[in-house]
PDB file of N, CA and C in Angstrom:
ATOM      1  N   MET A   1       0.847  -1.162   0.000  1.00  0.00           N
ATOM      2  CA  MET A   1       0.000   0.000   0.000  1.00  0.00           C
ATOM      3  C   MET A   1       0.897   1.231   0.000  1.00  0.00           C
ATOM      4  N   SER A   2       0.708   2.089  -0.948  1.00  0.00           N
ATOM      5  CA  SER A   2       1.540   3.281  -1.055  1.00  0.00           C
ATOM      6  C   SER A   2       0.683   4.511  -0.789  1.00  0.00           C
ATOM      7  N   LEU A   3       1.339   5.511  -0.247  1.00  0.00           N
ATOM      8  CA  LEU A   3       0.654   6.772   0.046  1.00  0.00           C
ATOM      9  C   LEU A   3       0.613   7.628  -1.207  1.00  0.00           C
ATOM     10  N   PRO A   4      -0.438   8.393  -1.387  1.00  0.00           N
ATOM     11  CA  PRO A   4      -0.503   9.262  -2.563  1.00  0.00           C
ATOM     12  C   PRO A   4       0.541  10.374  -2.464  1.00  0.00           C
ATOM     13  N   GLN A   5       1.130  10.707  -3.590  1.00  0.00           N
ATOM     14  CA  GLN A   5       2.129  11.759  -3.655  1.00  0.00           C
ATOM     15  C   GLN A   5       1.453  13.114  -3.841  1.00  0.00           C
ATOM     16  N   ASN A   6       1.955  14.139  -3.170  1.00  0.00           N
ATOM     17  CA  ASN A   6       1.437  15.496  -3.320  1.00  0.00           C
ATOM     18  C   ASN A   6       2.399  16.239  -4.239  1.00  0.00           C
ATOM     19  N   PRO A   7       1.981  16.560  -5.451  1.00  0.00           N
ATOM     20  CA  PRO A   7       2.904  17.179  -6.404  1.00  0.00           C
ATOM     21  C   PRO A   7       3.266  18.620  -6.059  1.00  0.00           C
ATOM     22  N   THR A   8       2.505  19.287  -5.170  1.00  0.00           N
ATOM     23  CA  THR A   8       2.793  20.687  -4.854  1.00  0.00           C
ATOM     24  C   THR A   8       3.894  20.827  -3.811  1.00  0.00           C
ATOM     25  N   VAL A   9       4.160  19.766  -3.092  1.00  0.00           N
ATOM     26  CA  VAL A   9       5.190  19.822  -2.062  1.00  0.00           C
ATOM     27  C   VAL A   9       6.432  19.139  -2.592  1.00  0.00           C
ATOM     28  N   GLY A  10       7.505  19.906  -2.696  1.00  0.00           N
ATOM     29  CA  GLY A  10       8.755  19.362  -3.199  1.00  0.00           C
ATOM     30  C   GLY A  10       9.716  19.130  -2.060  1.00  0.00           C
ATOM     31  N   PRO A  11      10.918  18.764  -2.401  1.00  0.00           N
ATOM     32  CA  PRO A  11      11.916  18.566  -1.351  1.00  0.00           C
ATOM     33  C   PRO A  11      12.233  19.895  -0.664  1.00  0.00           C
ATOM     34  N   ALA A  12      12.629  19.802   0.587  1.00  0.00           N
ATOM     35  CA  ALA A  12      12.932  21.004   1.362  1.00  0.00           C
ATOM     36  C   ALA A  12      14.268  21.566   0.914  1.00  0.00           C
ATOM     37  N   VAL A  13      14.222  22.654   0.167  1.00  0.00           N
ATOM     38  CA  VAL A  13      15.425  23.318  -0.322  1.00  0.00           C
ATOM     39  C   VAL A  13      15.521  24.669   0.374  1.00  0.00           C
ATOM     40  N   PRO A  14      16.560  24.872   1.156  1.00  0.00           N
ATOM     41  CA  PRO A  14      16.669  26.155   1.854  1.00  0.00           C
ATOM     42  C   PRO A  14      16.954  27.283   0.871  1.00  0.00           C
ATOM     43  N   SER A  15      16.228  28.347   1.049  1.00  0.00           N
ATOM     44  CA  SER A  15      16.474  29.506   0.200  1.00  0.00           C
ATOM     45  C   SER A  15      17.437  30.447   0.914  1.00  0.00           C
ATOM     46  N   LYS A  16      18.035  31.366   0.189  1.00  0.00           N
ATOM     47  CA  LYS A  16      18.989  32.307   0.784  1.00  0.00           C
ATOM     48  C   LYS A  16      18.305  33.217   1.793  1.00  0.00           C
ATOM     49  N   SER A  17      17.082  33.648   1.497  1.00  0.00           N
ATOM     50  CA  SER A  17      16.391  34.541   2.428  1.00  0.00           C
ATOM     51  C   SER A  17      16.019  33.814   3.710  1.00  0.00           C
ATOM     52  N   LEU A  18      15.682  32.536   3.620  1.00  0.00           N
ATOM     53  CA  LEU A  18      15.365  31.755   4.809  1.00  0.00           C
ATOM     54  C   LEU A  18      16.610  31.595   5.675  1.00  0.00           C
ATOM     55  N   GLY A  19      17.748  31.407   5.050  1.00  0.00           N
ATOM     56  CA  GLY A  19      19.007  31.289   5.787  1.00  0.00           C
ATOM     57  C   GLY A  19      19.353  32.566   6.530  1.00  0.00           C
ATOM     58  N   ARG A  20      19.129  33.709   5.880  1.00  0.00           N
ATOM     59  CA  ARG A  20      19.403  34.992   6.536  1.00  0.00           C
ATOM     60  C   ARG A  20      18.463  35.215   7.718  1.00  0.00           C
ATOM     61  N   GLU A  21      17.203  34.865   7.533  1.00  0.00           N
ATOM     62  CA  GLU A  21      16.224  35.015   8.626  1.00  0.00           C
ATOM     63  C   GLU A  21      16.591  34.118   9.800  1.00  0.00           C
ATOM     64  N   THR A  22      17.003  32.909   9.500  1.00  0.00           N
ATOM     65  CA  THR A  22      17.413  31.980  10.558  1.00  0.00           C
ATOM     66  C   THR A  22      18.627  32.525  11.297  1.00  0.00           C
ATOM     67  N   ASP A  23      19.585  33.071  10.567  1.00  0.00           N
ATOM     68  CA  ASP A  23      20.766  33.660  11.202  1.00  0.00           C
ATOM     69  C   ASP A  23      20.379  34.824  12.101  1.00  0.00           C
ATOM     70  N   LYS A  24      19.442  35.652  11.651  1.00  0.00           N
ATOM     71  CA  LYS A  24      18.982  36.782  12.464  1.00  0.00           C
ATOM     72  C   LYS A  24      18.324  36.291  13.741  1.00  0.00           C
ATOM     73  N   ILE A  25      17.504  35.251  13.616  1.00  0.00           N
ATOM     74  CA  ILE A  25      16.817  34.715  14.792  1.00  0.00           C
ATOM     75  C   ILE A  25      17.812  34.123  15.782  1.00  0.00           C
ATOM     76  N   VAL A  26      18.776  33.380  15.264  1.00  0.00           N
ATOM     77  CA  VAL A  26      19.789  32.775  16.134  1.00  0.00           C
ATOM     78  C   VAL A  26      20.604  33.860  16.830  1.00  0.00           C
ATOM     79  N   THR A  27      20.985  34.892  16.099  1.00  0.00           N
ATOM     80  CA  THR A  27      21.739  35.999  16.690  1.00  0.00           C
ATOM     81  C   THR A  27      20.913  36.698  17.760  1.00  0.00           C
ATOM     82  N   TYR A  28      19.654  36.953  17.471  1.00  0.00           N
ATOM     83  CA  TYR A  28      18.774  37.607  18.443  1.00  0.00           C
ATOM     84  C   TYR A  28      18.636  36.758  19.707  1.00  0.00           C
ATOM     85  N   LEU A  29      18.409  35.470  19.550  1.00  0.00           N
ATOM     86  CA  LEU A  29      18.249  34.594  20.708  1.00  0.00           C
ATOM     87  C   LEU A  29      19.536  34.471  21.513  1.00  0.00           C
ATOM     88  N   THR A  30      20.668  34.473  20.832  1.00  0.00           N
ATOM     89  CA  THR A  30      21.960  34.427  21.517  1.00  0.00           C
ATOM     90  C   THR A  30      22.164  35.695  22.348  1.00  0.00           C
ATOM     91  N   ASP A  31      21.872  36.848  21.754  1.00  0.00           N
ATOM     92  CA  ASP A  31      21.998  38.116  22.478  1.00  0.00           C
ATOM     93  C   ASP A  31      21.039  38.169  23.656  1.00  0.00           C
ATOM     94  N   LEU A  32      19.825  37.688  23.462  1.00  0.00           N
ATOM     95  CA  LEU A  32      18.832  37.671  24.529  1.00  0.00           C
ATOM     96  C   LEU A  32      19.274  36.775  25.679  1.00  0.00           C
ATOM     97  N   GLU A  33      19.812  35.617  25.355  1.00  0.00           N
ATOM     98  CA  GLU A  33      20.286  34.699  26.389  1.00  0.00           C
ATOM     99  C   GLU A  33      21.458  35.304  27.152  1.00  0.00           C
ATOM    100  N   GLN A  34      22.362  35.996  26.461  1.00  0.00           N
ATOM    101  CA  GLN A  34      23.501  36.631  27.125  1.00  0.00           C
ATOM    102  C   GLN A  34      23.030  37.737  28.064  1.00  0.00           C
ATOM    103  N   ALA A  35      22.061  38.534  27.627  1.00  0.00           N
ATOM    104  CA  ALA A  35      21.522  39.599  28.477  1.00  0.00           C
ATOM    105  C   ALA A  35      20.853  39.009  29.709  1.00  0.00           C
ATOM    106  N   ALA A  36      20.115  37.936  29.548  1.00  0.00           N
ATOM    107  CA  ALA A  36      19.454  37.293  30.687  1.00  0.00           C
ATOM    108  C   ALA A  36      20.487  36.744  31.663  1.00  0.00           C
ATOM    109  N   GLU A  37      21.561  36.169  31.150  1.00  0.00           N
ATOM    110  CA  GLU A  37      22.610  35.642  32.022  1.00  0.00           C
ATOM    111  C   GLU A  37      23.306  36.769  32.776  1.00  0.00           C
ATOM    112  N   ASP A  38      23.534  37.901  32.123  1.00  0.00           N
ATOM    113  CA  ASP A  38      24.138  39.056  32.791  1.00  0.00           C
ATOM    114  C   ASP A  38      23.239  39.556  33.921  1.00  0.00           C
ATOM    115  N   ILE A  39      21.937  39.590  33.682  1.00  0.00           N
ATOM    116  CA  ILE A  39      20.996  40.035  34.703  1.00  0.00           C
ATOM    117  C   ILE A  39      21.024  39.104  35.903  1.00  0.00           C
ATOM    118  N   LEU A  40      21.022  37.798  35.648  1.00  0.00           N
ATOM    119  CA  LEU A  40      21.054  36.837  36.748  1.00  0.00           C
ATOM    120  C   LEU A  40      22.361  36.919  37.534  1.00  0.00           C
ATOM    121  N   THR A  41      23.465  37.142  36.834  1.00  0.00           N
ATOM    122  CA  THR A  41      24.756  37.282  37.506  1.00  0.00           C
ATOM    123  C   THR A  41      24.768  38.526  38.385  1.00  0.00           C
ATOM    124  N   ASP A  42      24.267  39.642  37.855  1.00  0.00           N
ATOM    125  CA  ASP A  42      24.203  40.880  38.639  1.00  0.00           C
ATOM    126  C   ASP A  42      23.297  40.713  39.856  1.00  0.00           C
ATOM    127  N   ARG A  43      22.191  40.018  39.677  1.00  0.00           N
ATOM    128  CA  ARG A  43      21.262  39.801  40.790  1.00  0.00           C
ATOM    129  C   ARG A  43      21.939  38.984  41.890  1.00  0.00           C
ATOM    130  N   GLN A  44      22.659  37.946  41.512  1.00  0.00           N
ATOM    131  CA  GLN A  44      23.344  37.122  42.501  1.00  0.00           C
ATOM    132  C   GLN A  44      24.431  37.922  43.206  1.00  0.00           C
ATOM    133  N   THR A  45      25.123  38.789  42.487  1.00  0.00           N
ATOM    134  CA  THR A  45      26.147  39.645  43.097  1.00  0.00           C
ATOM    135  C   THR A  45      25.530  40.568  44.137  1.00  0.00           C
ATOM    136  N   ILE A  46      24.384  41.145  43.820  1.00  0.00           N
ATOM    137  CA  ILE A  46      23.698  42.026  44.773  1.00  0.00           C
ATOM    138  C   ILE A  46      23.283  41.250  46.006  1.00  0.00           C
ATOM    139  N   ILE A  47      22.782  40.040  45.817  1.00  0.00           N
ATOM    140  CA  ILE A  47      22.375  39.211  46.956  1.00  0.00           C
ATOM    141  C   ILE A  47      23.587  38.890  47.832  1.00  0.00           C
ATOM    142  N   ASP A  48      24.720  38.555  47.210  1.00  0.00           N
ATOM    143  CA  ASP A  48      25.933  38.246  47.970  1.00  0.00           C
ATOM    144  C   ASP A  48      26.416  39.450  48.775  1.00  0.00           C
ATOM    145  N   TYR A  49      26.405  40.633  48.152  1.00  0.00           N
ATOM    146  CA  TYR A  49      26.812  41.837  48.872  1.00  0.00           C
ATOM    147  C   TYR A  49      25.852  42.157  50.007  1.00  0.00           C
ATOM    148  N   ASP A  50      24.574  41.927  49.812  1.00  0.00           N
ATOM    149  CA  ASP A  50      23.601  42.191  50.858  1.00  0.00           C
ATOM    150  C   ASP A  50      23.825  41.260  52.048  1.00  0.00           C
ATOM    151  N   ARG A  51      24.126  40.004  51.784  1.00  0.00           N
ATOM    152  CA  ARG A  51      24.415  39.058  52.874  1.00  0.00           C
ATOM    153  C   ARG A  51      25.660  39.482  53.648  1.00  0.00           C
ATOM    154  N   LYS A  52      26.676  39.921  52.906  1.00  0.00           N
ATOM    155  CA  LYS A  52      27.905  40.361  53.563  1.00  0.00           C
ATOM    156  C   LYS A  52      27.655  41.612  54.402  1.00  0.00           C
ATOM    157  N   ARG A  53      26.877  42.534  53.851  1.00  0.00           N
ATOM    158  CA  ARG A  53      26.552  43.762  54.587  1.00  0.00           C
ATOM    159  C   ARG A  53      25.785  43.446  55.860  1.00  0.00           C
ATOM    160  N   ASN A  54      24.858  42.497  55.776  1.00  0.00           N
ATOM    161  CA  ASN A  54      24.078  42.102  56.946  1.00  0.00           C
ATOM    162  C   ASN A  54      24.974  41.442  57.998  1.00  0.00           C
ATOM    163  N   ALA A  55      25.898  40.592  57.558  1.00  0.00           N
ATOM    164  CA  ALA A  55      26.830  39.958  58.501  1.00  0.00           C
ATOM    165  C   ALA A  55      27.713  41.013  59.166  1.00  0.00           C
ATOM    166  N   ASN A  56      28.140  42.018  58.405  1.00  0.00           N
ATOM    167  CA  ASN A  56      28.946  43.102  58.987  1.00  0.00           C
ATOM    168  C   ASN A  56      28.138  43.915  59.990  1.00  0.00           C
ATOM    169  N   ARG A  57      26.872  44.140  59.681  1.00  0.00           N
ATOM    170  CA  ARG A  57      26.005  44.869  60.610  1.00  0.00           C
ATOM    171  C   ARG A  57      25.859  44.092  61.921  1.00  0.00           C
ATOM    172  N   GLU A  58      25.679  42.778  61.823  1.00  0.00           N
ATOM    173  CA  GLU A  58      25.576  41.943  63.017  1.00  0.00           C
ATOM    174  C   GLU A  58      26.872  41.971  63.818  1.00  0.00           C
ATOM    175  N   ALA A  59      28.012  41.948  63.120  1.00  0.00           N
ATOM    176  CA  ALA A  59      29.306  41.982  63.805  1.00  0.00           C
ATOM    177  C   ALA A  59      29.499  43.303  64.546  1.00  0.00           C
ATOM    178  N   LEU A  60      29.128  44.415  63.893  1.00  0.00           N
ATOM    179  CA  LEU A  60      29.247  45.717  64.567  1.00  0.00           C
ATOM    180  C   LEU A  60      28.352  45.786  65.795  1.00  0.00           C
ATOM    181  N   ARG A  61      27.164  45.263  65.671  1.00  0.00           N
ATOM    182  CA  ARG A  61      26.221  45.265  66.807  1.00  0.00           C
ATOM    183  C   ARG A  61      26.785  44.434  67.959  1.00  0.00           C
ATOM    184  N   HIS A  62      27.365  43.293  67.634  1.00  0.00           N
ATOM    185  CA  HIS A  62      27.951  42.443  68.670  1.00  0.00           C
ATOM    186  C   HIS A  62      29.130  43.151  69.344  1.00  0.00           C
ATOM    187  N   LEU A  63      29.966  43.830  68.556  1.00  0.00           N
ATOM    188  CA  LEU A  63      31.110  44.541  69.133  1.00  0.00           C
ATOM    189  C   LEU A  63      30.668  45.656  70.069  1.00  0.00           C
ATOM    190  N   LYS A  64      29.557  46.316  69.749  1.00  0.00           N
ATOM    191  CA  LYS A  64      29.073  47.397  70.617  1.00  0.00           C
ATOM    192  C   LYS A  64      28.510  46.865  71.925  1.00  0.00           C
ATOM    193  N   LYS A  65      27.988  45.642  71.899  1.00  0.00           N
ATOM    194  CA  LYS A  65      27.411  45.058  73.108  1.00  0.00           C
ATOM    195  C   LYS A  65      28.475  44.510  74.057  1.00  0.00           C
ATOM    196  N   THR A  66      29.589  44.061  73.526  1.00  0.00           N
ATOM    197  CA  THR A  66      30.595  43.398  74.347  1.00  0.00           C
ATOM    198  C   THR A  66      31.481  44.413  75.074  1.00  0.00           C
ATOM    199  N   ASP A  67      32.006  43.987  76.210  1.00  0.00           N
ATOM    200  CA  ASP A  67      32.896  44.847  76.993  1.00  0.00           C
ATOM    201  C   ASP A  67      34.367  44.513  76.761  1.00  0.00           C
ATOM    202  N   ASP A  68      34.624  43.540  75.892  1.00  0.00           N
ATOM    203  CA  ASP A  68      36.002  43.137  75.622  1.00  0.00           C
ATOM    204  C   ASP A  68      36.760  44.270  74.932  1.00  0.00           C
ATOM    205  N   LYS A  69      38.081  44.356  75.258  1.00  0.00           N
ATOM    206  CA  LYS A  69      38.902  45.385  74.631  1.00  0.00           C
ATOM    207  C   LYS A  69      39.490  44.908  73.308  1.00  0.00           C
ATOM    208  N   LYS A  70      39.611  43.593  73.167  1.00  0.00           N
ATOM    209  CA  LYS A  70      40.132  43.005  71.927  1.00  0.00           C
ATOM    210  C   LYS A  70      39.144  41.956  71.431  1.00  0.00           C
ATOM    211  N   THR A  71      39.217  41.707  70.133  1.00  0.00           N
ATOM    212  CA  THR A  71      38.334  40.708  69.534  1.00  0.00           C
ATOM    213  C   THR A  71      39.065  39.974  68.422  1.00  0.00           C
ATOM    214  N   TRP A  72      38.588  38.783  68.136  1.00  0.00           N
ATOM    215  CA  TRP A  72      39.151  38.002  67.046  1.00  0.00           C
ATOM    216  C   TRP A  72      38.409  38.320  65.760  1.00  0.00           C
ATOM    217  N   MET A  73      39.175  38.489  64.676  1.00  0.00           N
ATOM    218  CA  MET A  73      38.592  38.716  63.352  1.00  0.00           C
ATOM    219  C   MET A  73      39.217  37.764  62.363  1.00  0.00           C
ATOM    220  N   ALA A  74      38.375  37.201  61.501  1.00  0.00           N
ATOM    221  CA  ALA A  74      38.868  36.320  60.446  1.00  0.00           C
ATOM    222  C   ALA A  74      39.029  37.133  59.174  1.00  0.00           C
ATOM    223  N   MET A  75      40.215  37.053  58.580  1.00  0.00           N
ATOM    224  CA  MET A  75      40.490  37.696  57.295  1.00  0.00           C
ATOM    225  C   MET A  75      41.096  36.628  56.397  1.00  0.00           C
ATOM    226  N   GLY A  76      40.281  36.185  55.456  1.00  0.00           N
ATOM    227  CA  GLY A  76      40.716  35.074  54.618  1.00  0.00           C
ATOM    228  C   GLY A  76      40.738  33.804  55.449  1.00  0.00           C
ATOM    229  N   ASN A  77      41.885  33.137  55.481  1.00  0.00           N
ATOM    230  CA  ASN A  77      42.035  31.906  56.257  1.00  0.00           C
ATOM    231  C   ASN A  77      42.793  32.129  57.557  1.00  0.00           C
ATOM    232  N   THR A  78      42.936  33.389  57.970  1.00  0.00           N
ATOM    233  CA  THR A  78      43.734  33.717  59.144  1.00  0.00           C
ATOM    234  C   THR A  78      42.896  34.493  60.148  1.00  0.00           C
ATOM    235  N   PHE A  79      43.127  34.213  61.428  1.00  0.00           N
ATOM    236  CA  PHE A  79      42.464  34.943  62.497  1.00  0.00           C
ATOM    237  C   PHE A  79      43.445  35.921  63.121  1.00  0.00           C
ATOM    238  N   PHE A  80      42.941  37.120  63.436  1.00  0.00           N
ATOM    239  CA  PHE A  80      43.745  38.162  64.066  1.00  0.00           C
ATOM    240  C   PHE A  80      43.039  38.640  65.321  1.00  0.00           C
ATOM    241  N   LYS A  81      43.814  38.910  66.366  1.00  0.00           N
ATOM    242  CA  LYS A  81      43.254  39.506  67.575  1.00  0.00           C
ATOM    243  C   LYS A  81      43.542  41.001  67.497  1.00  0.00           C
ATOM    244  N   LEU A  82      42.464  41.784  67.387  1.00  0.00           N
ATOM    245  CA  LEU A  82      42.597  43.230  67.175  1.00  0.00           C
ATOM    246  C   LEU A  82      41.911  44.005  68.283  1.00  0.00           C
ATOM    247  N   GLU A  83      42.372  45.240  68.449  1.00  0.00           N
ATOM    248  CA  GLU A  83      41.681  46.155  69.348  1.00  0.00           C
ATOM    249  C   GLU A  83      40.264  46.375  68.813  1.00  0.00           C
ATOM    250  N   LYS A  84      39.329  46.562  69.712  1.00  0.00           N
ATOM    251  CA  LYS A  84      37.926  46.714  69.325  1.00  0.00           C
ATOM    252  C   LYS A  84      37.708  47.876  68.350  1.00  0.00           C
ATOM    253  N   PRO A  85      38.258  49.071  68.582  1.00  0.00           N
ATOM    254  CA  PRO A  85      38.045  50.172  67.618  1.00  0.00           C
ATOM    255  C   PRO A  85      38.626  49.870  66.228  1.00  0.00           C
ATOM    256  N   THR A  86      39.755  49.171  66.195  1.00  0.00           N
ATOM    257  CA  THR A  86      40.365  48.806  64.915  1.00  0.00           C
ATOM    258  C   THR A  86      39.459  47.843  64.149  1.00  0.00           C
ATOM    259  N   ALA A  87      38.914  46.864  64.860  1.00  0.00           N
ATOM    260  CA  ALA A  87      38.012  45.892  64.232  1.00  0.00           C
ATOM    261  C   ALA A  87      36.766  46.600  63.691  1.00  0.00           C
ATOM    262  N   GLU A  88      36.208  47.511  64.491  1.00  0.00           N
ATOM    263  CA  GLU A  88      35.025  48.254  64.038  1.00  0.00           C
ATOM    264  C   GLU A  88      35.332  49.068  62.786  1.00  0.00           C
ATOM    265  N   ASP A  89      36.485  49.704  62.772  1.00  0.00           N
ATOM    266  CA  ASP A  89      36.882  50.511  61.617  1.00  0.00           C
ATOM    267  C   ASP A  89      37.039  49.648  60.362  1.00  0.00           C
ATOM    268  N   LEU A  90      37.650  48.480  60.504  1.00  0.00           N
ATOM    269  CA  LEU A  90      37.821  47.579  59.357  1.00  0.00           C
ATOM    270  C   LEU A  90      36.473  47.115  58.815  1.00  0.00           C
ATOM    271  N   ILE A  91      35.551  46.808  59.699  1.00  0.00           N
ATOM    272  CA  ILE A  91      34.220  46.363  59.261  1.00  0.00           C
ATOM    273  C   ILE A  91      33.494  47.497  58.549  1.00  0.00           C
ATOM    274  N   LYS A  92      33.573  48.697  59.098  1.00  0.00           N
ATOM    275  CA  LYS A  92      32.906  49.851  58.464  1.00  0.00           C
ATOM    276  C   LYS A  92      33.501  50.137  57.086  1.00  0.00           C
ATOM    277  N   ARG A  93      34.827  50.080  56.988  1.00  0.00           N
ATOM    278  CA  ARG A  93      35.459  50.318  55.688  1.00  0.00           C
ATOM    279  C   ARG A  93      35.102  49.225  54.686  1.00  0.00           C
ATOM    280  N   GLY A  94      34.962  47.992  55.162  1.00  0.00           N
ATOM    281  CA  GLY A  94      34.544  46.891  54.293  1.00  0.00           C
ATOM    282  C   GLY A  94      33.151  47.132  53.740  1.00  0.00           C
ATOM    283  N   ASN A  95      32.243  47.663  54.577  1.00  0.00           N
ATOM    284  CA  ASN A  95      30.894  47.989  54.111  1.00  0.00           C
ATOM    285  C   ASN A  95      30.934  49.085  53.058  1.00  0.00           C
ATOM    286  N   GLU A  96      31.750  50.092  53.281  1.00  0.00           N
ATOM    287  CA  GLU A  96      31.846  51.198  52.316  1.00  0.00           C
ATOM    288  C   GLU A  96      32.408  50.718  50.983  1.00  0.00           C
ATOM    289  N   LEU A  97      33.416  49.868  51.025  1.00  0.00           N
ATOM    290  CA  LEU A  97      34.004  49.355  49.785  1.00  0.00           C
ATOM    291  C   LEU A  97      33.008  48.477  49.037  1.00  0.00           C
ATOM    292  N   GLY A  98      32.251  47.664  49.759  1.00  0.00           N
ATOM    293  CA  GLY A  98      31.222  46.842  49.117  1.00  0.00           C
ATOM    294  C   GLY A  98      30.171  47.681  48.457  1.00  0.00           C
ATOM    295  N   HIS A  99      29.795  48.774  49.110  1.00  0.00           N
ATOM    296  CA  HIS A  99      28.792  49.681  48.535  1.00  0.00           C
ATOM    297  C   HIS A  99      29.345  50.337  47.275  1.00  0.00           C
ATOM    298  N   LEU A 100      30.601  50.711  47.292  1.00  0.00           N
ATOM    299  CA  LEU A 100      31.194  51.370  46.121  1.00  0.00           C
ATOM    300  C   LEU A 100      31.299  50.403  44.937  1.00  0.00           C
ATOM    301  N   GLU A 101      31.528  49.126  45.209  1.00  0.00           N
ATOM    302  CA  GLU A 101      31.631  48.150  44.124  1.00  0.00           C
ATOM    303  C   GLU A 101      30.298  48.001  43.398  1.00  0.00           C
ATOM    304  N   LEU A 102      29.191  48.190  44.108  1.00  0.00           N
ATOM    305  CA  LEU A 102      27.879  48.051  43.480  1.00  0.00           C
ATOM    306  C   LEU A 102      27.569  49.231  42.562  1.00  0.00           C
ATOM    307  N   LEU A 103      28.154  50.378  42.846  1.00  0.00           N
ATOM    308  CA  LEU A 103      27.899  51.559  42.020  1.00  0.00           C
ATOM    309  C   LEU A 103      28.681  51.433  40.768  1.00  0.00           C
TER     310      LEU A 103
END
Protein backbone atom coordinates (compact mmCIF):
# COMPACT_ATOMS: atom_id res chain seq x y z
CA MET A 1 0.00 0.00 0.00
CA SER A 2 1.54 3.28 -1.06
CA LEU A 3 0.65 6.77 0.05
CA PRO A 4 -0.50 9.26 -2.56
CA GLN A 5 2.13 11.76 -3.65
CA ASN A 6 1.44 15.50 -3.32
CA PRO A 7 2.90 17.18 -6.40
CA THR A 8 2.79 20.69 -4.85
CA VAL A 9 5.19 19.82 -2.06
CA GLY A 10 8.75 19.36 -3.20
CA PRO A 11 11.92 18.57 -1.35
CA ALA A 12 12.93 21.00 1.36
CA VAL A 13 15.42 23.32 -0.32
CA PRO A 14 16.67 26.15 1.85
CA SER A 15 16.47 29.51 0.20
CA LYS A 16 18.99 32.31 0.78
CA SER A 17 16.39 34.54 2.43
CA LEU A 18 15.36 31.76 4.81
CA GLY A 19 19.01 31.29 5.79
CA ARG A 20 19.40 34.99 6.54
CA GLU A 21 16.22 35.01 8.63
CA THR A 22 17.41 31.98 10.56
CA ASP A 23 20.77 33.66 11.20
CA LYS A 24 18.98 36.78 12.46
CA ILE A 25 16.82 34.72 14.79
CA VAL A 26 19.79 32.78 16.13
CA THR A 27 21.74 36.00 16.69
CA TYR A 28 18.77 37.61 18.44
CA LEU A 29 18.25 34.59 20.71
CA THR A 30 21.96 34.43 21.52
CA ASP A 31 22.00 38.12 22.48
CA LEU A 32 18.83 37.67 24.53
CA GLU A 33 20.29 34.70 26.39
CA GLN A 34 23.50 36.63 27.12
CA ALA A 35 21.52 39.60 28.48
CA ALA A 36 19.45 37.29 30.69
CA GLU A 37 22.61 35.64 32.02
CA ASP A 38 24.14 39.06 32.79
CA ILE A 39 21.00 40.03 34.70
CA LEU A 40 21.05 36.84 36.75
CA THR A 41 24.76 37.28 37.51
CA ASP A 42 24.20 40.88 38.64
CA ARG A 43 21.26 39.80 40.79
CA GLN A 44 23.34 37.12 42.50
CA THR A 45 26.15 39.65 43.10
CA ILE A 46 23.70 42.03 44.77
CA ILE A 47 22.38 39.21 46.96
CA ASP A 48 25.93 38.25 47.97
CA TYR A 49 26.81 41.84 48.87
CA ASP A 50 23.60 42.19 50.86
CA ARG A 51 24.41 39.06 52.87
CA LYS A 52 27.91 40.36 53.56
CA ARG A 53 26.55 43.76 54.59
CA ASN A 54 24.08 42.10 56.95
CA ALA A 55 26.83 39.96 58.50
CA ASN A 56 28.95 43.10 58.99
CA ARG A 57 26.00 44.87 60.61
CA GLU A 58 25.58 41.94 63.02
CA ALA A 59 29.31 41.98 63.81
CA LEU A 60 29.25 45.72 64.57
CA ARG A 61 26.22 45.26 66.81
CA HIS A 62 27.95 42.44 68.67
CA LEU A 63 31.11 44.54 69.13
CA LYS A 64 29.07 47.40 70.62
CA LYS A 65 27.41 45.06 73.11
CA THR A 66 30.60 43.40 74.35
CA ASP A 67 32.90 44.85 76.99
CA ASP A 68 36.00 43.14 75.62
CA LYS A 69 38.90 45.39 74.63
CA LYS A 70 40.13 43.00 71.93
CA THR A 71 38.33 40.71 69.53
CA TRP A 72 39.15 38.00 67.05
CA MET A 73 38.59 38.72 63.35
CA ALA A 74 38.87 36.32 60.45
CA MET A 75 40.49 37.70 57.30
CA GLY A 76 40.72 35.07 54.62
CA ASN A 77 42.04 31.91 56.26
CA THR A 78 43.73 33.72 59.14
CA PHE A 79 42.46 34.94 62.50
CA PHE A 80 43.75 38.16 64.07
CA LYS A 81 43.25 39.51 67.58
CA LEU A 82 42.60 43.23 67.18
CA GLU A 83 41.68 46.15 69.35
CA LYS A 84 37.93 46.71 69.32
CA PRO A 85 38.04 50.17 67.62
CA THR A 86 40.37 48.81 64.91
CA ALA A 87 38.01 45.89 64.23
CA GLU A 88 35.02 48.25 64.04
CA ASP A 89 36.88 50.51 61.62
CA LEU A 90 37.82 47.58 59.36
CA ILE A 91 34.22 46.36 59.26
CA LYS A 92 32.91 49.85 58.46
CA ARG A 93 35.46 50.32 55.69
CA GLY A 94 34.54 46.89 54.29
CA ASN A 95 30.89 47.99 54.11
CA GLU A 96 31.85 51.20 52.32
CA LEU A 97 34.00 49.35 49.79
CA GLY A 98 31.22 46.84 49.12
CA HIS A 99 28.79 49.68 48.54
CA LEU A 100 31.19 51.37 46.12
CA GLU A 101 31.63 48.15 44.12
CA LEU A 102 27.88 48.05 43.48
CA LEU A 103 27.90 51.56 42.02
